[in-house]
Amino acid sequence: YSLISSYISFVPENRKYQPKAKVIRIGNITMGGAGKTPVVLSLAKLLTKHKIAILTRGYKGNLIGPVILNKYHTIDEVGDEALLLFKKAPTCVAKNRLQGIKYLESLGYDLIITDDGMQDNRFKPFLTVMVIDSHFGFGNKMIFPAGPLRESIESGIKKSNFAVAIGEGELDCELPILRADLVSKTSLKEQRFIAFAGIGNPDKFFSS
């Protein structure tokens, strides 16, 4: 997997697409569950002065795209994360992320936030943010399947401008770090539930 990932990621610098829009790439280097989507939602809320769009691959959805979501799209078509993002900002689903960027540019969007995409090196982002679950960190620091990493820590740091660390754990990371936390807006105290989690890090869901 790591050899294939490295091959796919290698694109000569002079062949990478230079977007006309500012592309903020939100990603991580672990297999999942770091907290990318909440960071995307928070950024979209802050950057309302721009003509902003969110770009996602629509995980588990069957639409290839690129397509701008509307209220009639279903989970089967675009996945649940895309519908969540759509509540905050115009959202485009595209299995091919580069095609999605070009499509959004053609519609006049000047700021594009990509939910995931650190391992897609076919374009030059304006900014890359690495999201880290500070309680989990980088695990055993080995690339999948030997560990939880999608790519090496060194390559992830090299392509990132700064990191957003979710939680209060200690991190050994040579990047400027912004601290964040996930806070529930609803109190569930003294209530009983049967809970099911299908996210990348189920323990985070249950502890919250």
N, C-alpha and C. Protein backbone atom coordinates (compact mmCIF):
# COMPACT_ATOMS: atom_id res chain seq x y z
N TYR A 1 0.84 -1.21 0.00
CA TYR A 1 0.00 0.00 0.00
C TYR A 1 0.86 1.25 0.00
N SER A 2 1.90 1.27 0.85
CA SER A 2 2.74 2.47 0.96
C SER A 2 3.46 2.75 -0.36
N LEU A 3 3.90 1.70 -1.07
CA LEU A 3 4.57 1.89 -2.36
C LEU A 3 3.61 2.45 -3.39
N ILE A 4 2.38 1.90 -3.43
CA ILE A 4 1.37 2.40 -4.37
C ILE A 4 1.02 3.84 -4.04
N SER A 5 0.84 4.14 -2.75
CA SER A 5 0.49 5.49 -2.31
C SER A 5 1.58 6.48 -2.71
N SER A 6 2.84 6.09 -2.53
CA SER A 6 3.95 6.98 -2.88
C SER A 6 3.98 7.23 -4.38
N TYR A 7 3.69 6.19 -5.18
CA TYR A 7 3.71 6.33 -6.63
C TYR A 7 2.60 7.28 -7.10
N ILE A 8 1.40 7.09 -6.54
CA ILE A 8 0.27 7.94 -6.92
C ILE A 8 0.52 9.38 -6.52
N SER A 9 1.15 9.58 -5.35
CA SER A 9 1.36 10.92 -4.82
C SER A 9 2.42 11.69 -5.59
N PHE A 10 3.33 10.98 -6.29
CA PHE A 10 4.42 11.68 -6.95
C PHE A 10 3.95 12.30 -8.25
N VAL A 11 3.93 13.63 -8.27
CA VAL A 11 3.61 14.37 -9.48
C VAL A 11 4.69 15.44 -9.62
N PRO A 12 5.38 15.52 -10.77
CA PRO A 12 6.39 16.57 -10.93
C PRO A 12 5.80 17.94 -10.64
N GLU A 13 6.57 18.78 -9.97
CA GLU A 13 6.08 20.09 -9.51
C GLU A 13 5.53 20.92 -10.66
N ASN A 14 6.18 20.85 -11.81
CA ASN A 14 5.74 21.68 -12.93
C ASN A 14 4.50 21.15 -13.63
N ARG A 15 4.01 19.97 -13.19
CA ARG A 15 2.79 19.42 -13.79
C ARG A 15 1.59 19.53 -12.85
N LYS A 16 1.81 20.02 -11.65
CA LYS A 16 0.69 20.18 -10.72
C LYS A 16 -0.18 21.35 -11.15
N TYR A 17 -1.49 21.19 -10.97
CA TYR A 17 -2.44 22.24 -11.35
C TYR A 17 -2.37 23.37 -10.34
N GLN A 18 -2.28 24.59 -10.85
CA GLN A 18 -2.28 25.79 -10.00
C GLN A 18 -3.67 26.39 -10.01
N PRO A 19 -4.49 26.16 -8.99
CA PRO A 19 -5.86 26.68 -9.00
C PRO A 19 -5.91 28.21 -9.02
N LYS A 20 -6.90 28.73 -9.70
CA LYS A 20 -7.13 30.18 -9.67
C LYS A 20 -7.74 30.57 -8.33
N ALA A 21 -8.59 29.71 -7.81
CA ALA A 21 -9.18 29.94 -6.49
C ALA A 21 -8.16 29.56 -5.41
N LYS A 22 -8.35 30.12 -4.22
CA LYS A 22 -7.53 29.71 -3.08
C LYS A 22 -8.11 28.40 -2.53
N VAL A 23 -7.29 27.37 -2.51
CA VAL A 23 -7.73 26.06 -2.04
C VAL A 23 -7.08 25.80 -0.68
N ILE A 24 -7.93 25.62 0.34
CA ILE A 24 -7.46 25.25 1.67
C ILE A 24 -7.69 23.76 1.84
N ARG A 25 -6.61 23.03 1.95
CA ARG A 25 -6.69 21.56 2.01
C ARG A 25 -6.64 21.12 3.48
N ILE A 26 -7.73 20.50 3.94
CA ILE A 26 -7.82 19.99 5.30
C ILE A 26 -7.64 18.48 5.24
N GLY A 27 -6.60 17.97 5.89
CA GLY A 27 -6.36 16.54 5.79
C GLY A 27 -5.67 16.00 7.03
N ASN A 28 -5.32 14.74 6.96
CA ASN A 28 -4.54 14.12 8.03
C ASN A 28 -3.70 13.01 7.43
N ILE A 29 -2.79 12.47 8.22
CA ILE A 29 -1.94 11.41 7.70
C ILE A 29 -2.24 10.06 8.33
N THR A 30 -3.26 10.02 9.20
CA THR A 30 -3.69 8.74 9.76
C THR A 30 -4.90 8.23 8.97
N MET A 31 -5.30 7.00 9.22
CA MET A 31 -6.32 6.35 8.41
C MET A 31 -7.72 6.92 8.59
N GLY A 32 -7.96 7.66 9.65
CA GLY A 32 -9.29 8.25 9.81
C GLY A 32 -9.59 8.61 11.24
N GLY A 33 -10.66 9.40 11.43
CA GLY A 33 -11.12 9.71 12.77
C GLY A 33 -10.39 10.83 13.46
N ALA A 34 -9.60 11.63 12.73
CA ALA A 34 -8.83 12.71 13.36
C ALA A 34 -9.71 13.91 13.70
N GLY A 35 -10.73 14.17 12.88
CA GLY A 35 -11.61 15.32 13.11
C GLY A 35 -11.57 16.34 11.99
N LYS A 36 -11.31 15.89 10.75
CA LYS A 36 -11.22 16.80 9.61
C LYS A 36 -12.53 17.54 9.37
N THR A 37 -13.64 16.81 9.37
CA THR A 37 -14.92 17.42 9.02
C THR A 37 -15.33 18.53 9.98
N PRO A 38 -15.20 18.37 11.31
CA PRO A 38 -15.49 19.50 12.20
C PRO A 38 -14.61 20.72 11.94
N VAL A 39 -13.35 20.50 11.56
CA VAL A 39 -12.48 21.63 11.23
C VAL A 39 -12.97 22.33 9.97
N VAL A 40 -13.37 21.56 8.97
CA VAL A 40 -13.93 22.15 7.75
C VAL A 40 -15.17 22.98 8.06
N LEU A 41 -16.06 22.44 8.89
CA LEU A 41 -17.28 23.16 9.26
C LEU A 41 -16.97 24.46 9.98
N SER A 42 -15.98 24.43 10.86
CA SER A 42 -15.60 25.64 11.61
C SER A 42 -15.02 26.69 10.68
N LEU A 43 -14.17 26.27 9.75
CA LEU A 43 -13.58 27.22 8.80
C LEU A 43 -14.65 27.85 7.91
N ALA A 44 -15.57 27.02 7.44
CA ALA A 44 -16.64 27.53 6.57
C ALA A 44 -17.46 28.59 7.29
N LYS A 45 -17.65 28.42 8.58
CA LYS A 45 -18.41 29.38 9.38
C LYS A 45 -17.65 30.69 9.52
N LEU A 46 -16.31 30.62 9.55
CA LEU A 46 -15.49 31.82 9.74
C LEU A 46 -15.26 32.62 8.47
N LEU A 47 -15.27 31.94 7.32
CA LEU A 47 -14.83 32.57 6.07
C LEU A 47 -15.99 32.95 5.16
N THR A 48 -17.03 33.50 5.75
CA THR A 48 -18.26 33.80 4.99
C THR A 48 -18.12 35.03 4.09
N LYS A 49 -17.05 35.81 4.24
CA LYS A 49 -16.88 36.99 3.39
C LYS A 49 -16.47 36.61 1.97
N HIS A 50 -16.05 35.36 1.78
CA HIS A 50 -15.65 34.89 0.47
C HIS A 50 -16.79 34.12 -0.19
N LYS A 51 -16.69 33.98 -1.52
CA LYS A 51 -17.60 33.06 -2.21
C LYS A 51 -16.99 31.68 -2.03
N ILE A 52 -17.47 30.98 -1.02
CA ILE A 52 -16.82 29.77 -0.53
C ILE A 52 -17.60 28.51 -0.91
N ALA A 53 -16.87 27.45 -1.18
CA ALA A 53 -17.49 26.14 -1.41
C ALA A 53 -16.64 25.08 -0.72
N ILE A 54 -17.30 24.02 -0.32
CA ILE A 54 -16.62 22.86 0.27
C ILE A 54 -16.59 21.74 -0.77
N LEU A 55 -15.45 21.08 -0.86
CA LEU A 55 -15.29 19.99 -1.80
C LEU A 55 -15.04 18.68 -1.05
N THR A 56 -15.82 17.67 -1.35
CA THR A 56 -15.66 16.36 -0.73
C THR A 56 -15.85 15.27 -1.77
N ARG A 57 -15.31 14.09 -1.50
CA ARG A 57 -15.46 12.99 -2.44
C ARG A 57 -16.77 12.23 -2.22
N GLY A 58 -17.51 12.59 -1.19
CA GLY A 58 -18.80 11.94 -0.97
C GLY A 58 -18.64 10.48 -0.61
N TYR A 59 -17.88 10.23 0.45
CA TYR A 59 -17.55 8.86 0.86
C TYR A 59 -18.81 8.02 1.02
N LYS A 60 -18.80 6.84 0.39
CA LYS A 60 -19.90 5.86 0.40
C LYS A 60 -21.08 6.26 -0.49
N GLY A 61 -21.02 7.43 -1.12
CA GLY A 61 -22.08 7.82 -2.05
C GLY A 61 -21.79 7.26 -3.44
N ASN A 62 -22.82 7.16 -4.28
CA ASN A 62 -22.64 6.56 -5.60
C ASN A 62 -22.55 7.56 -6.74
N LEU A 63 -22.68 8.88 -6.45
CA LEU A 63 -22.54 9.89 -7.49
C LEU A 63 -21.06 10.14 -7.77
N ILE A 64 -20.71 10.18 -9.04
CA ILE A 64 -19.32 10.43 -9.44
C ILE A 64 -19.02 11.93 -9.38
N GLY A 65 -19.97 12.76 -9.86
CA GLY A 65 -19.78 14.19 -9.88
C GLY A 65 -18.81 14.63 -10.97
N PRO A 66 -18.41 15.89 -10.95
CA PRO A 66 -18.71 16.86 -9.89
C PRO A 66 -20.15 17.37 -9.97
N VAL A 67 -20.75 17.57 -8.78
CA VAL A 67 -22.11 18.06 -8.69
C VAL A 67 -22.25 18.90 -7.42
N ILE A 68 -22.98 20.00 -7.53
CA ILE A 68 -23.29 20.82 -6.37
C ILE A 68 -24.52 20.23 -5.68
N LEU A 69 -24.44 20.03 -4.40
CA LEU A 69 -25.54 19.41 -3.67
C LEU A 69 -26.76 20.33 -3.60
N ASN A 70 -27.92 19.71 -3.55
CA ASN A 70 -29.15 20.43 -3.26
C ASN A 70 -29.94 19.60 -2.23
N LYS A 71 -31.09 20.13 -1.81
CA LYS A 71 -31.85 19.50 -0.73
C LYS A 71 -32.45 18.15 -1.12
N TYR A 72 -32.39 17.80 -2.40
CA TYR A 72 -32.98 16.54 -2.84
C TYR A 72 -31.97 15.38 -2.87
N HIS A 73 -30.69 15.69 -2.69
CA HIS A 73 -29.70 14.61 -2.70
C HIS A 73 -29.85 13.74 -1.45
N THR A 74 -29.54 12.46 -1.60
CA THR A 74 -29.73 11.49 -0.52
C THR A 74 -28.38 10.95 -0.04
N ILE A 75 -28.41 10.28 1.10
CA ILE A 75 -27.21 9.65 1.64
C ILE A 75 -26.66 8.61 0.66
N ASP A 76 -27.55 7.85 0.01
CA ASP A 76 -27.09 6.85 -0.95
C ASP A 76 -26.31 7.48 -2.09
N GLU A 77 -26.69 8.71 -2.45
CA GLU A 77 -26.03 9.39 -3.58
C GLU A 77 -24.71 10.03 -3.19
N VAL A 78 -24.68 10.70 -2.03
CA VAL A 78 -23.51 11.54 -1.71
C VAL A 78 -22.87 11.22 -0.36
N GLY A 79 -23.44 10.29 0.41
CA GLY A 79 -22.89 9.98 1.72
C GLY A 79 -23.36 10.95 2.79
N ASP A 80 -23.17 10.60 4.04
CA ASP A 80 -23.69 11.42 5.13
C ASP A 80 -22.86 12.66 5.41
N GLU A 81 -21.53 12.58 5.25
CA GLU A 81 -20.68 13.74 5.53
C GLU A 81 -20.99 14.90 4.60
N ALA A 82 -21.23 14.60 3.33
CA ALA A 82 -21.53 15.66 2.37
C ALA A 82 -22.81 16.41 2.74
N LEU A 83 -23.82 15.68 3.21
CA LEU A 83 -25.07 16.33 3.62
C LEU A 83 -24.86 17.20 4.86
N LEU A 84 -23.97 16.77 5.74
CA LEU A 84 -23.64 17.57 6.91
C LEU A 84 -22.94 18.86 6.50
N LEU A 85 -21.99 18.77 5.58
CA LEU A 85 -21.26 19.94 5.10
C LEU A 85 -22.19 20.91 4.36
N PHE A 86 -23.14 20.35 3.63
CA PHE A 86 -24.09 21.15 2.83
C PHE A 86 -24.91 22.10 3.70
N LYS A 87 -25.09 21.76 4.98
CA LYS A 87 -25.85 22.63 5.88
C LYS A 87 -25.10 23.93 6.19
N LYS A 88 -23.78 23.93 6.01
CA LYS A 88 -22.97 25.10 6.36
C LYS A 88 -22.56 25.95 5.17
N ALA A 89 -22.39 25.32 4.00
CA ALA A 89 -21.90 26.06 2.83
C ALA A 89 -22.19 25.27 1.57
N PRO A 90 -22.19 25.94 0.39
CA PRO A 90 -22.33 25.19 -0.85
C PRO A 90 -21.29 24.07 -0.90
N THR A 91 -21.74 22.87 -1.26
CA THR A 91 -20.88 21.70 -1.20
C THR A 91 -20.89 20.96 -2.53
N CYS A 92 -19.71 20.62 -2.99
CA CYS A 92 -19.55 19.89 -4.24
C CYS A 92 -19.04 18.49 -3.94
N VAL A 93 -19.65 17.49 -4.55
CA VAL A 93 -19.17 16.11 -4.46
C VAL A 93 -18.51 15.76 -5.79
N ALA A 94 -17.27 15.29 -5.70
CA ALA A 94 -16.55 14.85 -6.90
C ALA A 94 -15.60 13.73 -6.51
N LYS A 95 -15.77 12.57 -7.12
CA LYS A 95 -14.85 11.47 -6.84
C LYS A 95 -13.44 11.84 -7.27
N ASN A 96 -13.34 12.62 -8.37
CA ASN A 96 -12.05 13.14 -8.81
C ASN A 96 -11.90 14.55 -8.25
N ARG A 97 -11.06 14.71 -7.24
CA ARG A 97 -10.95 15.99 -6.53
C ARG A 97 -10.47 17.11 -7.46
N LEU A 98 -9.55 16.81 -8.36
CA LEU A 98 -9.04 17.84 -9.27
C LEU A 98 -10.14 18.34 -10.19
N GLN A 99 -10.96 17.44 -10.70
CA GLN A 99 -12.10 17.86 -11.52
C GLN A 99 -13.06 18.72 -10.72
N GLY A 100 -13.23 18.38 -9.44
CA GLY A 100 -14.10 19.17 -8.57
C GLY A 100 -13.60 20.59 -8.39
N ILE A 101 -12.30 20.74 -8.21
CA ILE A 101 -11.72 22.09 -8.07
C ILE A 101 -11.96 22.91 -9.33
N LYS A 102 -11.70 22.32 -10.48
CA LYS A 102 -11.88 23.04 -11.75
C LYS A 102 -13.35 23.39 -11.98
N TYR A 103 -14.23 22.50 -11.59
CA TYR A 103 -15.67 22.75 -11.74
C TYR A 103 -16.11 23.92 -10.87
N LEU A 104 -15.67 23.94 -9.61
CA LEU A 104 -16.04 25.03 -8.71
C LEU A 104 -15.45 26.36 -9.19
N GLU A 105 -14.25 26.33 -9.74
CA GLU A 105 -13.66 27.55 -10.30
C GLU A 105 -14.51 28.07 -11.47
N SER A 106 -15.00 27.15 -12.29
CA SER A 106 -15.83 27.56 -13.43
C SER A 106 -17.13 28.21 -12.98
N LEU A 107 -17.56 27.92 -11.75
CA LEU A 107 -18.79 28.51 -11.20
C LEU A 107 -18.51 29.81 -10.43
N GLY A 108 -17.25 30.21 -10.38
CA GLY A 108 -16.91 31.49 -9.78
C GLY A 108 -16.55 31.47 -8.30
N TYR A 109 -16.37 30.30 -7.73
CA TYR A 109 -15.97 30.24 -6.31
C TYR A 109 -14.50 30.62 -6.18
N ASP A 110 -14.21 31.52 -5.23
CA ASP A 110 -12.83 31.99 -5.08
C ASP A 110 -12.12 31.37 -3.88
N LEU A 111 -12.85 30.61 -3.05
CA LEU A 111 -12.24 29.93 -1.92
C LEU A 111 -12.86 28.54 -1.81
N ILE A 112 -12.01 27.52 -1.85
CA ILE A 112 -12.47 26.13 -1.82
C ILE A 112 -11.80 25.43 -0.65
N ILE A 113 -12.62 24.82 0.21
CA ILE A 113 -12.09 24.03 1.31
C ILE A 113 -12.28 22.56 0.96
N THR A 114 -11.19 21.81 0.91
CA THR A 114 -11.31 20.39 0.62
C THR A 114 -11.34 19.59 1.91
N ASP A 115 -12.36 18.77 2.06
CA ASP A 115 -12.46 17.87 3.20
C ASP A 115 -11.69 16.61 2.84
N ASP A 116 -10.50 16.49 3.38
CA ASP A 116 -9.54 15.44 3.06
C ASP A 116 -8.74 15.87 1.82
N GLY A 117 -7.75 15.09 1.45
CA GLY A 117 -6.99 15.38 0.23
C GLY A 117 -5.52 15.63 0.43
N MET A 118 -4.98 15.37 1.63
CA MET A 118 -3.54 15.59 1.81
C MET A 118 -2.70 14.68 0.93
N GLN A 119 -3.25 13.52 0.56
CA GLN A 119 -2.49 12.59 -0.25
C GLN A 119 -2.74 12.78 -1.76
N ASP A 120 -3.53 13.80 -2.10
CA ASP A 120 -3.79 14.11 -3.51
C ASP A 120 -2.88 15.27 -3.89
N ASN A 121 -1.79 14.97 -4.59
CA ASN A 121 -0.78 15.98 -4.89
C ASN A 121 -0.82 16.46 -6.33
N ARG A 122 -2.01 16.41 -6.94
CA ARG A 122 -2.11 16.85 -8.34
C ARG A 122 -2.34 18.35 -8.47
N PHE A 123 -2.54 19.03 -7.34
CA PHE A 123 -2.78 20.47 -7.39
C PHE A 123 -2.00 21.16 -6.28
N LYS A 124 -1.80 22.48 -6.43
CA LYS A 124 -1.06 23.26 -5.45
C LYS A 124 -2.05 24.01 -4.56
N PRO A 125 -2.21 23.61 -3.33
CA PRO A 125 -3.14 24.32 -2.44
C PRO A 125 -2.56 25.65 -1.98
N PHE A 126 -3.44 26.56 -1.62
CA PHE A 126 -3.02 27.82 -1.01
C PHE A 126 -2.52 27.58 0.40
N LEU A 127 -3.16 26.62 1.08
CA LEU A 127 -2.85 26.32 2.48
C LEU A 127 -3.18 24.86 2.74
N THR A 128 -2.34 24.18 3.51
CA THR A 128 -2.62 22.81 3.91
C THR A 128 -2.60 22.72 5.43
N VAL A 129 -3.68 22.18 5.98
CA VAL A 129 -3.83 22.05 7.43
C VAL A 129 -3.88 20.56 7.78
N MET A 130 -2.97 20.13 8.63
CA MET A 130 -2.98 18.75 9.09
C MET A 130 -3.77 18.66 10.39
N VAL A 131 -4.80 17.83 10.42
CA VAL A 131 -5.61 17.64 11.62
C VAL A 131 -5.11 16.40 12.36
N ILE A 132 -4.90 16.55 13.66
CA ILE A 132 -4.35 15.46 14.47
C ILE A 132 -5.24 15.25 15.69
N ASP A 133 -5.59 14.01 15.94
CA ASP A 133 -6.22 13.63 17.20
C ASP A 133 -5.09 13.51 18.22
N SER A 134 -4.99 14.48 19.13
CA SER A 134 -3.82 14.52 20.02
C SER A 134 -3.81 13.38 21.03
N HIS A 135 -4.95 12.74 21.26
CA HIS A 135 -4.97 11.59 22.17
C HIS A 135 -4.36 10.36 21.50
N PHE A 136 -4.55 10.27 20.18
CA PHE A 136 -4.05 9.12 19.42
C PHE A 136 -2.69 9.41 18.79
N GLY A 137 -2.49 10.67 18.40
CA GLY A 137 -1.24 11.06 17.75
C GLY A 137 -1.03 10.34 16.43
N PHE A 138 0.16 9.77 16.25
CA PHE A 138 0.48 9.05 15.03
C PHE A 138 0.60 7.55 15.27
N GLY A 139 0.03 7.09 16.39
CA GLY A 139 0.06 5.66 16.69
C GLY A 139 1.49 5.15 16.82
N ASN A 140 1.78 4.03 16.15
CA ASN A 140 3.14 3.48 16.20
C ASN A 140 4.06 4.10 15.16
N LYS A 141 3.56 5.13 14.45
CA LYS A 141 4.34 5.92 13.48
C LYS A 141 4.75 5.11 12.25
N MET A 142 4.00 4.05 11.97
CA MET A 142 4.30 3.22 10.79
C MET A 142 3.17 3.33 9.78
N ILE A 143 3.52 3.14 8.50
CA ILE A 143 2.56 3.26 7.40
C ILE A 143 1.72 1.98 7.31
N PHE A 144 0.44 2.16 7.01
CA PHE A 144 -0.49 1.05 6.83
C PHE A 144 0.06 0.04 5.82
N PRO A 145 -0.04 -1.28 6.06
CA PRO A 145 -0.82 -1.95 7.10
C PRO A 145 -0.05 -2.19 8.40
N ALA A 146 1.21 -1.78 8.48
CA ALA A 146 1.98 -1.99 9.72
C ALA A 146 1.53 -1.04 10.82
N GLY A 147 0.92 0.07 10.45
CA GLY A 147 0.45 1.07 11.41
C GLY A 147 -0.69 1.87 10.82
N PRO A 148 -1.04 3.00 11.44
CA PRO A 148 -2.22 3.76 11.02
C PRO A 148 -1.94 4.87 10.01
N LEU A 149 -0.70 5.04 9.55
CA LEU A 149 -0.36 6.19 8.72
C LEU A 149 -0.66 5.96 7.24
N ARG A 150 -1.15 7.01 6.59
CA ARG A 150 -1.34 7.00 5.15
C ARG A 150 -0.03 7.32 4.42
N GLU A 151 0.81 8.08 5.06
CA GLU A 151 2.11 8.45 4.52
C GLU A 151 3.03 8.72 5.70
N SER A 152 4.30 8.94 5.45
CA SER A 152 5.23 9.15 6.55
C SER A 152 4.96 10.49 7.24
N ILE A 153 5.35 10.56 8.50
CA ILE A 153 5.20 11.81 9.25
C ILE A 153 5.99 12.92 8.58
N GLU A 154 7.18 12.60 8.11
CA GLU A 154 8.04 13.61 7.48
C GLU A 154 7.39 14.22 6.25
N SER A 155 6.81 13.39 5.39
CA SER A 155 6.19 13.93 4.17
C SER A 155 4.94 14.73 4.49
N GLY A 156 4.19 14.29 5.51
CA GLY A 156 3.00 15.04 5.92
C GLY A 156 3.36 16.42 6.45
N ILE A 157 4.39 16.48 7.27
CA ILE A 157 4.84 17.76 7.83
C ILE A 157 5.35 18.68 6.72
N LYS A 158 6.08 18.12 5.77
CA LYS A 158 6.67 18.91 4.70
C LYS A 158 5.62 19.64 3.87
N LYS A 159 4.47 19.00 3.68
CA LYS A 159 3.43 19.60 2.82
C LYS A 159 2.42 20.45 3.60
N SER A 160 2.56 20.51 4.95
CA SER A 160 1.58 21.22 5.78
C SER A 160 2.10 22.59 6.21
N ASN A 161 1.19 23.54 6.34
CA ASN A 161 1.54 24.86 6.86
C ASN A 161 1.43 24.92 8.37
N PHE A 162 0.41 24.26 8.92
CA PHE A 162 0.27 24.15 10.37
C PHE A 162 -0.64 22.99 10.70
N ALA A 163 -0.75 22.68 11.98
CA ALA A 163 -1.59 21.57 12.42
C ALA A 163 -2.68 22.07 13.35
N VAL A 164 -3.83 21.41 13.31
CA VAL A 164 -4.89 21.61 14.30
C VAL A 164 -4.94 20.34 15.13
N ALA A 165 -4.62 20.47 16.41
CA ALA A 165 -4.62 19.33 17.33
C ALA A 165 -5.91 19.33 18.13
N ILE A 166 -6.68 18.26 17.99
CA ILE A 166 -7.95 18.16 18.70
C ILE A 166 -7.74 17.34 19.96
N GLY A 167 -7.99 17.98 21.11
CA GLY A 167 -7.74 17.34 22.39
C GLY A 167 -6.51 17.93 23.07
N GLU A 168 -6.23 17.43 24.25
CA GLU A 168 -5.17 18.03 25.07
C GLU A 168 -3.92 17.16 25.20
N GLY A 169 -3.81 16.10 24.45
CA GLY A 169 -2.64 15.23 24.55
C GLY A 169 -1.37 15.90 24.05
N GLU A 170 -0.23 15.41 24.49
CA GLU A 170 1.06 15.93 24.05
C GLU A 170 1.37 15.43 22.63
N LEU A 171 1.99 16.31 21.84
CA LEU A 171 2.32 15.96 20.47
C LEU A 171 3.78 16.25 20.17
N ASP A 172 4.42 15.34 19.44
CA ASP A 172 5.76 15.57 18.94
C ASP A 172 5.64 15.84 17.45
N CYS A 173 5.46 17.12 17.11
CA CYS A 173 5.18 17.50 15.73
C CYS A 173 5.87 18.83 15.42
N GLU A 174 6.69 18.85 14.38
CA GLU A 174 7.46 20.04 14.03
C GLU A 174 6.63 20.99 13.16
N LEU A 175 5.48 21.39 13.66
CA LEU A 175 4.61 22.34 12.96
C LEU A 175 4.03 23.31 13.97
N PRO A 176 3.71 24.55 13.55
CA PRO A 176 2.90 25.40 14.42
C PRO A 176 1.57 24.70 14.69
N ILE A 177 1.13 24.70 15.95
CA ILE A 177 -0.06 23.93 16.33
C ILE A 177 -1.14 24.85 16.90
N LEU A 178 -2.35 24.72 16.37
CA LEU A 178 -3.52 25.35 16.96
C LEU A 178 -4.28 24.27 17.73
N ARG A 179 -4.71 24.59 18.94
CA ARG A 179 -5.43 23.64 19.77
C ARG A 179 -6.92 23.81 19.61
N ALA A 180 -7.63 22.69 19.57
CA ALA A 180 -9.09 22.72 19.43
C ALA A 180 -9.67 21.57 20.23
N ASP A 181 -10.98 21.61 20.44
CA ASP A 181 -11.65 20.52 21.11
C ASP A 181 -13.04 20.37 20.54
N LEU A 182 -13.58 19.17 20.64
CA LEU A 182 -14.95 18.91 20.20
C LEU A 182 -15.87 19.03 21.40
N VAL A 183 -16.86 19.90 21.29
CA VAL A 183 -17.78 20.15 22.40
C VAL A 183 -19.20 19.87 21.94
N SER A 184 -19.90 19.04 22.68
CA SER A 184 -21.29 18.74 22.35
C SER A 184 -22.18 19.93 22.69
N LYS A 185 -23.12 20.23 21.79
CA LYS A 185 -24.07 21.32 22.04
C LYS A 185 -25.30 20.84 22.81
N THR A 186 -25.38 19.55 23.02
CA THR A 186 -26.55 18.98 23.68
C THR A 186 -26.13 18.19 24.91
N SER A 187 -26.82 18.40 26.01
CA SER A 187 -26.52 17.64 27.23
C SER A 187 -27.28 16.32 27.21
N LEU A 188 -26.55 15.24 27.41
CA LEU A 188 -27.17 13.91 27.41
C LEU A 188 -27.11 13.27 28.79
N LYS A 189 -26.83 14.08 29.79
CA LYS A 189 -26.70 13.54 31.14
C LYS A 189 -28.02 12.97 31.63
N GLU A 190 -27.92 11.90 32.42
CA GLU A 190 -29.06 11.24 33.05
C GLU A 190 -30.07 10.72 32.02
N GLN A 191 -29.58 10.45 30.81
CA GLN A 191 -30.41 9.80 29.79
C GLN A 191 -29.73 8.49 29.38
N ARG A 192 -30.55 7.54 28.99
CA ARG A 192 -30.02 6.24 28.61
C ARG A 192 -30.18 6.03 27.10
N PHE A 193 -29.13 5.46 26.48
CA PHE A 193 -29.13 5.27 25.04
C PHE A 193 -28.54 3.92 24.68
N ILE A 194 -28.94 3.43 23.53
CA ILE A 194 -28.20 2.38 22.85
C ILE A 194 -27.47 3.09 21.71
N ALA A 195 -26.14 3.04 21.71
CA ALA A 195 -25.35 3.83 20.76
C ALA A 195 -24.59 2.94 19.79
N PHE A 196 -24.53 3.40 18.54
CA PHE A 196 -23.77 2.71 17.50
C PHE A 196 -22.86 3.73 16.83
N ALA A 197 -21.60 3.38 16.64
CA ALA A 197 -20.66 4.30 15.98
C ALA A 197 -20.04 3.63 14.76
N GLY A 198 -20.06 4.33 13.64
CA GLY A 198 -19.44 3.83 12.42
C GLY A 198 -18.38 4.77 11.89
N ILE A 199 -17.78 5.58 12.79
CA ILE A 199 -16.76 6.55 12.37
C ILE A 199 -15.37 5.93 12.48
N GLY A 200 -14.36 6.69 12.04
CA GLY A 200 -12.99 6.18 12.02
C GLY A 200 -12.44 5.86 13.39
N ASN A 201 -12.85 6.63 14.40
CA ASN A 201 -12.38 6.40 15.76
C ASN A 201 -13.59 6.33 16.68
N PRO A 202 -14.22 5.17 16.81
CA PRO A 202 -15.45 5.06 17.61
C PRO A 202 -15.27 5.46 19.08
N ASP A 203 -14.08 5.25 19.65
CA ASP A 203 -13.87 5.60 21.05
C ASP A 203 -14.12 7.09 21.30
N LYS A 204 -13.78 7.91 20.32
CA LYS A 204 -14.00 9.35 20.47
C LYS A 204 -15.49 9.66 20.58
N PHE A 205 -16.29 8.95 19.79
CA PHE A 205 -17.75 9.13 19.85
C PHE A 205 -18.30 8.75 21.21
N PHE A 206 -17.91 7.60 21.72
CA PHE A 206 -18.45 7.14 23.01
C PHE A 206 -17.98 8.00 24.17
N SER A 207 -16.75 8.47 24.13
CA SER A 207 -16.25 9.31 25.22
C SER A 207 -16.92 10.67 25.22
N SER A 208 -17.39 11.12 24.07
CA SER A 208 -18.05 12.43 24.03
C SER A 208 -19.49 12.35 24.54
